[in-house]
Amino acid sequence: MYGLDINPRAIKVAWINLFLNALNDEGSPVLDHEGKTLLDRVEFHVSDLLAYCREHNLMLDRIIGCIPQVSFSLSNLQFLLSVC
């Protein structure tokens, strides 16, 4: 899972939140059925919209976002459709 935001502060806060949610009350990692934690499965990067995905040729199953301030151009829409 990738978390992307153009604001570097938002990325730092996301890492802190992830760390807090990846540990139980005793400070031990919470493991899933494969023995992995959220820290193993989630990455955060500073990125303008999906630039990080484009630069790293990532194919994505789903894209979830809250980006009401971004107007979609035809090229953005074509990219979104190509990575799903």
N, C-alpha and C. Protein backbone atom coordinates (compact mmCIF):
# COMPACT_ATOMS: atom_id res chain seq x y z
N MET A 1 0.85 -1.16 0.00
CA MET A 1 0.00 0.00 0.00
C MET A 1 0.91 1.23 0.00
N TYR A 2 0.53 2.20 -0.78
CA TYR A 2 1.29 3.44 -0.89
C TYR A 2 0.43 4.61 -0.45
N GLY A 3 1.00 5.48 0.36
CA GLY A 3 0.37 6.73 0.72
C GLY A 3 1.16 7.86 0.09
N LEU A 4 0.49 8.71 -0.63
CA LEU A 4 1.17 9.78 -1.37
C LEU A 4 0.56 11.12 -0.99
N ASP A 5 1.42 12.12 -0.83
CA ASP A 5 0.95 13.48 -0.56
C ASP A 5 2.04 14.44 -1.00
N ILE A 6 1.64 15.57 -1.51
CA ILE A 6 2.60 16.58 -1.94
C ILE A 6 3.23 17.31 -0.75
N ASN A 7 2.59 17.24 0.41
CA ASN A 7 3.06 17.94 1.60
C ASN A 7 3.96 17.01 2.43
N PRO A 8 5.26 17.33 2.56
CA PRO A 8 6.16 16.48 3.33
C PRO A 8 5.74 16.32 4.79
N ARG A 9 5.11 17.33 5.35
CA ARG A 9 4.63 17.21 6.74
C ARG A 9 3.54 16.15 6.86
N ALA A 10 2.69 16.09 5.87
CA ALA A 10 1.63 15.08 5.89
C ALA A 10 2.23 13.67 5.85
N ILE A 11 3.31 13.50 5.13
CA ILE A 11 3.98 12.21 5.06
C ILE A 11 4.56 11.85 6.42
N LYS A 12 5.17 12.80 7.10
CA LYS A 12 5.72 12.54 8.44
C LYS A 12 4.61 12.15 9.41
N VAL A 13 3.50 12.86 9.37
CA VAL A 13 2.37 12.54 10.25
C VAL A 13 1.82 11.15 9.92
N ALA A 14 1.77 10.82 8.65
CA ALA A 14 1.28 9.50 8.24
C ALA A 14 2.17 8.39 8.79
N TRP A 15 3.49 8.58 8.74
CA TRP A 15 4.42 7.59 9.30
C TRP A 15 4.20 7.43 10.79
N ILE A 16 4.03 8.53 11.50
CA ILE A 16 3.79 8.48 12.95
C ILE A 16 2.50 7.71 13.23
N ASN A 17 1.44 8.03 12.50
CA ASN A 17 0.16 7.36 12.67
C ASN A 17 0.28 5.86 12.38
N LEU A 18 0.99 5.53 11.31
CA LEU A 18 1.19 4.12 10.96
C LEU A 18 1.92 3.40 12.08
N PHE A 19 2.98 4.00 12.59
CA PHE A 19 3.76 3.39 13.66
C PHE A 19 2.90 3.15 14.89
N LEU A 20 2.09 4.14 15.25
CA LEU A 20 1.21 3.99 16.42
C LEU A 20 0.19 2.88 16.23
N ASN A 21 -0.31 2.71 15.01
CA ASN A 21 -1.32 1.69 14.74
C ASN A 21 -0.74 0.32 14.44
N ALA A 22 0.56 0.23 14.23
CA ALA A 22 1.20 -1.06 13.93
C ALA A 22 1.63 -1.78 15.19
N LEU A 23 1.50 -1.12 16.34
CA LEU A 23 1.92 -1.71 17.61
C LEU A 23 0.72 -1.88 18.54
N ASN A 24 0.78 -2.92 19.37
CA ASN A 24 -0.29 -3.11 20.35
C ASN A 24 0.00 -2.26 21.59
N ASP A 25 -0.83 -2.38 22.61
CA ASP A 25 -0.68 -1.56 23.81
C ASP A 25 0.62 -1.80 24.56
N GLU A 26 1.22 -2.97 24.36
CA GLU A 26 2.49 -3.28 25.01
C GLU A 26 3.69 -2.84 24.17
N GLY A 27 3.43 -2.32 22.98
CA GLY A 27 4.51 -1.86 22.11
C GLY A 27 5.07 -2.93 21.19
N SER A 28 4.40 -4.07 21.13
CA SER A 28 4.82 -5.15 20.24
C SER A 28 4.10 -5.02 18.90
N PRO A 29 4.75 -5.44 17.82
CA PRO A 29 4.11 -5.36 16.50
C PRO A 29 2.85 -6.23 16.42
N VAL A 30 1.82 -5.72 15.78
CA VAL A 30 0.62 -6.48 15.49
C VAL A 30 0.87 -7.21 14.17
N LEU A 31 0.79 -8.53 14.21
CA LEU A 31 1.08 -9.34 13.02
C LEU A 31 -0.20 -9.80 12.34
N ASP A 32 -0.16 -9.87 11.01
CA ASP A 32 -1.30 -10.41 10.27
C ASP A 32 -1.12 -11.91 10.09
N HIS A 33 -1.97 -12.54 9.29
CA HIS A 33 -1.93 -13.99 9.10
C HIS A 33 -0.66 -14.46 8.41
N GLU A 34 0.07 -13.55 7.77
CA GLU A 34 1.34 -13.91 7.12
C GLU A 34 2.55 -13.55 7.99
N GLY A 35 2.28 -13.07 9.20
CA GLY A 35 3.37 -12.70 10.10
C GLY A 35 3.99 -11.35 9.78
N LYS A 36 3.28 -10.51 9.03
CA LYS A 36 3.78 -9.19 8.67
C LYS A 36 3.00 -8.11 9.42
N THR A 37 3.64 -6.97 9.60
CA THR A 37 3.00 -5.84 10.26
C THR A 37 2.59 -4.81 9.21
N LEU A 38 1.86 -3.80 9.66
CA LEU A 38 1.54 -2.68 8.77
C LEU A 38 2.82 -2.01 8.28
N LEU A 39 3.85 -2.00 9.13
CA LEU A 39 5.12 -1.39 8.73
C LEU A 39 5.75 -2.12 7.55
N ASP A 40 5.46 -3.41 7.41
CA ASP A 40 5.96 -4.19 6.28
C ASP A 40 5.17 -3.93 5.00
N ARG A 41 3.94 -3.49 5.14
CA ARG A 41 3.03 -3.43 4.00
C ARG A 41 2.72 -2.03 3.47
N VAL A 42 3.10 -1.00 4.21
CA VAL A 42 2.72 0.37 3.84
C VAL A 42 3.96 1.22 3.64
N GLU A 43 3.93 2.05 2.61
CA GLU A 43 4.99 3.03 2.33
C GLU A 43 4.34 4.39 2.11
N PHE A 44 5.04 5.44 2.51
CA PHE A 44 4.58 6.80 2.24
C PHE A 44 5.67 7.54 1.48
N HIS A 45 5.24 8.35 0.51
CA HIS A 45 6.18 9.11 -0.30
C HIS A 45 5.59 10.48 -0.63
N VAL A 46 6.46 11.46 -0.71
CA VAL A 46 6.05 12.78 -1.18
C VAL A 46 5.87 12.67 -2.68
N SER A 47 4.69 13.05 -3.16
CA SER A 47 4.41 12.90 -4.58
C SER A 47 3.29 13.85 -4.98
N ASP A 48 3.41 14.40 -6.16
CA ASP A 48 2.37 15.23 -6.75
C ASP A 48 1.39 14.30 -7.45
N LEU A 49 0.23 14.12 -6.86
CA LEU A 49 -0.80 13.21 -7.34
C LEU A 49 -0.20 11.80 -7.45
N LEU A 50 -0.09 11.24 -8.62
CA LEU A 50 0.44 9.89 -8.78
C LEU A 50 1.81 9.86 -9.43
N ALA A 51 2.57 10.94 -9.31
CA ALA A 51 3.89 11.00 -9.95
C ALA A 51 4.79 9.85 -9.48
N TYR A 52 4.76 9.53 -8.19
CA TYR A 52 5.60 8.45 -7.67
C TYR A 52 5.28 7.13 -8.38
N CYS A 53 4.00 6.87 -8.61
CA CYS A 53 3.59 5.64 -9.28
C CYS A 53 4.07 5.61 -10.72
N ARG A 54 3.96 6.73 -11.39
CA ARG A 54 4.44 6.82 -12.77
C ARG A 54 5.95 6.60 -12.84
N GLU A 55 6.69 7.27 -11.96
CA GLU A 55 8.16 7.18 -11.98
C GLU A 55 8.66 5.78 -11.67
N HIS A 56 7.90 5.02 -10.90
CA HIS A 56 8.33 3.67 -10.50
C HIS A 56 7.54 2.57 -11.22
N ASN A 57 6.78 2.94 -12.23
CA ASN A 57 6.01 1.99 -13.04
C ASN A 57 5.21 1.02 -12.17
N LEU A 58 4.51 1.56 -11.20
CA LEU A 58 3.71 0.74 -10.30
C LEU A 58 2.35 0.45 -10.91
N MET A 59 1.95 -0.80 -10.87
CA MET A 59 0.61 -1.18 -11.27
C MET A 59 -0.20 -1.33 -9.99
N LEU A 60 -1.36 -0.69 -9.95
CA LEU A 60 -2.16 -0.64 -8.73
C LEU A 60 -3.49 -1.34 -8.93
N ASP A 61 -3.98 -2.00 -7.88
CA ASP A 61 -5.30 -2.63 -7.93
C ASP A 61 -6.40 -1.62 -7.70
N ARG A 62 -6.14 -0.68 -6.77
CA ARG A 62 -7.13 0.33 -6.42
C ARG A 62 -6.44 1.65 -6.14
N ILE A 63 -7.15 2.72 -6.41
CA ILE A 63 -6.67 4.05 -6.06
C ILE A 63 -7.78 4.72 -5.26
N ILE A 64 -7.43 5.12 -4.05
CA ILE A 64 -8.39 5.78 -3.18
C ILE A 64 -7.81 7.14 -2.84
N GLY A 65 -8.57 8.19 -3.00
CA GLY A 65 -8.02 9.50 -2.73
C GLY A 65 -9.07 10.51 -2.34
N CYS A 66 -8.59 11.56 -1.76
CA CYS A 66 -9.42 12.69 -1.41
C CYS A 66 -8.73 13.92 -1.99
N ILE A 67 -8.99 14.17 -3.23
CA ILE A 67 -8.28 15.24 -3.93
C ILE A 67 -9.25 16.19 -4.64
N PRO A 68 -10.15 16.80 -3.89
CA PRO A 68 -11.16 17.66 -4.52
C PRO A 68 -10.57 18.90 -5.19
N GLN A 69 -9.38 19.30 -4.79
CA GLN A 69 -8.78 20.51 -5.35
C GLN A 69 -8.11 20.26 -6.70
N VAL A 70 -8.05 19.02 -7.13
CA VAL A 70 -7.38 18.69 -8.39
C VAL A 70 -8.41 18.51 -9.49
N SER A 71 -8.22 19.26 -10.56
CA SER A 71 -9.10 19.05 -11.70
C SER A 71 -8.48 17.95 -12.57
N PHE A 72 -9.31 17.04 -13.05
CA PHE A 72 -8.79 15.94 -13.83
C PHE A 72 -8.65 16.33 -15.29
N SER A 73 -7.45 16.15 -15.78
CA SER A 73 -7.21 16.33 -17.20
C SER A 73 -7.37 14.97 -17.87
N LEU A 74 -7.44 14.96 -19.17
CA LEU A 74 -7.56 13.72 -19.91
C LEU A 74 -6.34 12.83 -19.65
N SER A 75 -5.13 13.41 -19.55
CA SER A 75 -3.94 12.60 -19.33
C SER A 75 -3.96 11.97 -17.93
N ASN A 76 -4.44 12.70 -16.90
CA ASN A 76 -4.56 12.11 -15.57
C ASN A 76 -5.57 10.97 -15.58
N LEU A 77 -6.68 11.17 -16.23
CA LEU A 77 -7.70 10.13 -16.30
C LEU A 77 -7.17 8.90 -17.04
N GLN A 78 -6.46 9.09 -18.14
CA GLN A 78 -5.89 7.98 -18.88
C GLN A 78 -4.88 7.22 -18.02
N PHE A 79 -4.06 7.95 -17.24
CA PHE A 79 -3.10 7.28 -16.37
C PHE A 79 -3.82 6.48 -15.30
N LEU A 80 -4.84 7.08 -14.67
CA LEU A 80 -5.58 6.36 -13.63
C LEU A 80 -6.16 5.06 -14.18
N LEU A 81 -6.69 5.11 -15.36
CA LEU A 81 -7.27 3.91 -15.97
C LEU A 81 -6.19 2.90 -16.33
N SER A 82 -4.99 3.36 -16.66
CA SER A 82 -3.94 2.43 -17.07
C SER A 82 -3.32 1.68 -15.91
N VAL A 83 -3.38 2.22 -14.68
CA VAL A 83 -2.75 1.55 -13.55
C VAL A 83 -3.71 0.66 -12.78
N CYS A 84 -4.98 0.69 -13.13
CA CYS A 84 -5.96 -0.15 -12.41
C CYS A 84 -6.20 -1.44 -13.14
